[in-house]
Amino acid sequence: MAKTNFSRHMIEDRTDRYVTIATKVGFGQVIYTSTYSDRKGAWINRTIELTSTGVCIVKGQDGAIVTMYCATIANIKSYFKIERLPKELFAAVKRNEKNGYCNL
């Protein structure tokens, strides 16, 4: 099994979200990947992965998981430029929204 590194933010601020995703949503398989830059004093490159369960996993330059969350349709369209989602992914996102997991 591969070792997973977590950022301090993920460990200190996002543990509850991680546990909810792990126990109630599932991580799924990565189906889309995108990159973007975030300006926080200096440009920081991020990779964002979208999984089959509708979870976005954000990784820093070092590959450590910075945060993860249940995506909304708007998040997916913005980060991945996808106009029409596969039926299974659309259903997973809607299920997460219905259960309130997109608001964690």
C-alpha atoms as a PDB file:
ATOM      1  CA  MET A   1       0.000   0.000   0.000  1.00  0.00           C
ATOM      2  CA  ALA A   2       1.294   3.451  -0.895  1.00  0.00           C
ATOM      3  CA  LYS A   3       2.054   5.899   1.874  1.00  0.00           C
ATOM      4  CA  THR A   4      -0.177   8.975   1.956  1.00  0.00           C
ATOM      5  CA  ASN A   5       1.122  12.293   3.242  1.00  0.00           C
ATOM      6  CA  PHE A   6      -1.211  14.894   4.710  1.00  0.00           C
ATOM      7  CA  SER A   7      -0.590  18.602   5.166  1.00  0.00           C
ATOM      8  CA  ARG A   8      -0.837  20.234   8.565  1.00  0.00           C
ATOM      9  CA  HIS A   9      -4.085  21.910   7.431  1.00  0.00           C
ATOM     10  CA  MET A  10      -5.591  18.530   6.569  1.00  0.00           C
ATOM     11  CA  ILE A  11      -4.571  17.003   9.899  1.00  0.00           C
ATOM     12  CA  GLU A  12      -5.501  19.939  12.131  1.00  0.00           C
ATOM     13  CA  ASP A  13      -8.526  21.420  10.361  1.00  0.00           C
ATOM     14  CA  ARG A  14     -10.075  18.789   8.096  1.00  0.00           C
ATOM     15  CA  THR A  15     -10.040  15.567  10.111  1.00  0.00           C
ATOM     16  CA  ASP A  16     -13.823  15.502  10.594  1.00  0.00           C
ATOM     17  CA  ARG A  17     -14.393  15.980   6.865  1.00  0.00           C
ATOM     18  CA  TYR A  18     -11.890  13.229   6.080  1.00  0.00           C
ATOM     19  CA  VAL A  19     -13.609  10.811   8.454  1.00  0.00           C
ATOM     20  CA  THR A  20     -17.037  11.568   6.958  1.00  0.00           C
ATOM     21  CA  ILE A  21     -15.746  10.996   3.440  1.00  0.00           C
ATOM     22  CA  ALA A  22     -13.947   7.807   4.481  1.00  0.00           C
ATOM     23  CA  THR A  23     -16.922   6.307   6.327  1.00  0.00           C
ATOM     24  CA  LYS A  24     -19.988   7.621   4.480  1.00  0.00           C
ATOM     25  CA  VAL A  25     -18.984   8.585   0.927  1.00  0.00           C
ATOM     26  CA  GLY A  26     -15.896   6.565   0.032  1.00  0.00           C
ATOM     27  CA  PHE A  27     -12.834   7.745  -1.859  1.00  0.00           C
ATOM     28  CA  GLY A  28     -13.559   6.035  -5.182  1.00  0.00           C
ATOM     29  CA  GLN A  29     -11.151   6.005  -8.107  1.00  0.00           C
ATOM     30  CA  VAL A  30      -9.558   9.114  -9.612  1.00  0.00           C
ATOM     31  CA  ILE A  31     -11.294   9.857 -12.920  1.00  0.00           C
ATOM     32  CA  TYR A  32     -10.209  13.454 -13.677  1.00  0.00           C
ATOM     33  CA  THR A  33      -7.123  15.477 -12.751  1.00  0.00           C
ATOM     34  CA  SER A  34      -6.488  19.189 -13.125  1.00  0.00           C
ATOM     35  CA  THR A  35      -3.879  21.685 -11.951  1.00  0.00           C
ATOM     36  CA  TYR A  36      -4.143  25.290 -10.867  1.00  0.00           C
ATOM     37  CA  SER A  37      -2.080  27.935  -9.146  1.00  0.00           C
ATOM     38  CA  ASP A  38      -3.047  29.667  -5.952  1.00  0.00           C
ATOM     39  CA  ARG A  39      -1.454  32.953  -4.859  1.00  0.00           C
ATOM     40  CA  LYS A  40      -0.540  33.086  -1.164  1.00  0.00           C
ATOM     41  CA  GLY A  41       2.503  35.303  -1.095  1.00  0.00           C
ATOM     42  CA  ALA A  42       4.006  33.219  -3.875  1.00  0.00           C
ATOM     43  CA  TRP A  43       2.476  31.037  -6.557  1.00  0.00           C
ATOM     44  CA  ILE A  44       1.652  27.609  -5.231  1.00  0.00           C
ATOM     45  CA  ASN A  45       0.814  24.868  -7.707  1.00  0.00           C
ATOM     46  CA  ARG A  46      -1.995  22.524  -6.751  1.00  0.00           C
ATOM     47  CA  THR A  47      -3.297  19.337  -8.280  1.00  0.00           C
ATOM     48  CA  ILE A  48      -6.944  18.522  -7.861  1.00  0.00           C
ATOM     49  CA  GLU A  49      -8.288  15.038  -8.448  1.00  0.00           C
ATOM     50  CA  LEU A  50     -11.946  14.164  -8.874  1.00  0.00           C
ATOM     51  CA  THR A  51     -12.984  10.668  -7.877  1.00  0.00           C
ATOM     52  CA  SER A  52     -15.853   8.459  -8.959  1.00  0.00           C
ATOM     53  CA  THR A  53     -17.651   9.188  -5.669  1.00  0.00           C
ATOM     54  CA  GLY A  54     -17.638  12.955  -6.294  1.00  0.00           C
ATOM     55  CA  VAL A  55     -14.754  13.715  -3.946  1.00  0.00           C
ATOM     56  CA  CYS A  56     -12.150  16.353  -4.821  1.00  0.00           C
ATOM     57  CA  ILE A  57      -8.681  15.677  -3.437  1.00  0.00           C
ATOM     58  CA  VAL A  58      -6.368  18.697  -3.469  1.00  0.00           C
ATOM     59  CA  LYS A  59      -2.630  18.041  -3.362  1.00  0.00           C
ATOM     60  CA  GLY A  60       0.279  20.436  -2.926  1.00  0.00           C
ATOM     61  CA  GLN A  61       3.478  20.552  -4.946  1.00  0.00           C
ATOM     62  CA  ASP A  62       5.002  17.900  -2.702  1.00  0.00           C
ATOM     63  CA  GLY A  63       2.094  15.504  -3.319  1.00  0.00           C
ATOM     64  CA  ALA A  64       0.706  15.843   0.210  1.00  0.00           C
ATOM     65  CA  ILE A  65      -3.066  16.016   0.504  1.00  0.00           C
ATOM     66  CA  VAL A  66      -3.953  19.591   1.464  1.00  0.00           C
ATOM     67  CA  THR A  67      -7.706  19.082   1.682  1.00  0.00           C
ATOM     68  CA  MET A  68     -10.566  17.050   0.297  1.00  0.00           C
ATOM     69  CA  TYR A  69     -14.248  17.730  -0.048  1.00  0.00           C
ATOM     70  CA  CYS A  70     -17.399  16.547  -1.746  1.00  0.00           C
ATOM     71  CA  ALA A  71     -17.711  18.524  -4.953  1.00  0.00           C
ATOM     72  CA  THR A  72     -20.742  20.302  -6.301  1.00  0.00           C
ATOM     73  CA  ILE A  73     -21.618  20.378  -9.983  1.00  0.00           C
ATOM     74  CA  ALA A  74     -20.337  23.986 -10.075  1.00  0.00           C
ATOM     75  CA  ASN A  75     -16.977  22.935  -8.558  1.00  0.00           C
ATOM     76  CA  ILE A  76     -16.541  20.243 -11.171  1.00  0.00           C
ATOM     77  CA  LYS A  77     -17.428  22.487 -14.088  1.00  0.00           C
ATOM     78  CA  SER A  78     -15.086  25.190 -12.823  1.00  0.00           C
ATOM     79  CA  TYR A  79     -12.009  23.060 -12.124  1.00  0.00           C
ATOM     80  CA  PHE A  80     -12.356  20.412 -14.813  1.00  0.00           C
ATOM     81  CA  LYS A  81     -14.202  22.279 -17.602  1.00  0.00           C
ATOM     82  CA  ILE A  82     -16.656  19.395 -17.955  1.00  0.00           C
ATOM     83  CA  GLU A  83     -20.026  20.322 -19.423  1.00  0.00           C
ATOM     84  CA  ARG A  84     -21.768  16.966 -19.124  1.00  0.00           C
ATOM     85  CA  LEU A  85     -20.867  14.597 -16.311  1.00  0.00           C
ATOM     86  CA  PRO A  86     -21.007  10.817 -16.676  1.00  0.00           C
ATOM     87  CA  LYS A  87     -24.308   9.513 -15.287  1.00  0.00           C
ATOM     88  CA  GLU A  88     -22.701   7.687 -12.333  1.00  0.00           C
ATOM     89  CA  LEU A  89     -20.661  10.723 -11.298  1.00  0.00           C
ATOM     90  CA  PHE A  90     -23.690  13.009 -11.577  1.00  0.00           C
ATOM     91  CA  ALA A  91     -25.677  10.613  -9.351  1.00  0.00           C
ATOM     92  CA  ALA A  92     -22.850  10.484  -6.772  1.00  0.00           C
ATOM     93  CA  VAL A  93     -22.600  14.289  -6.602  1.00  0.00           C
ATOM     94  CA  LYS A  94     -26.371  14.659  -6.239  1.00  0.00           C
ATOM     95  CA  ARG A  95     -26.393  12.002  -3.500  1.00  0.00           C
ATOM     96  CA  ASN A  96     -23.609  13.845  -1.635  1.00  0.00           C
ATOM     97  CA  GLU A  97     -25.509  17.135  -1.953  1.00  0.00           C
ATOM     98  CA  LYS A  98     -28.741  15.525  -0.704  1.00  0.00           C
ATOM     99  CA  ASN A  99     -26.938  14.102   2.331  1.00  0.00           C
ATOM    100  CA  GLY A 100     -25.334  17.465   3.135  1.00  0.00           C
ATOM    101  CA  TYR A 101     -21.776  16.254   2.558  1.00  0.00           C
ATOM    102  CA  CYS A 102     -20.963  19.125   0.168  1.00  0.00           C
ATOM    103  CA  ASN A 103     -21.353  21.575   3.056  1.00  0.00           C
ATOM    104  CA  LEU A 104     -18.761  20.087   5.422  1.00  0.00           C
END
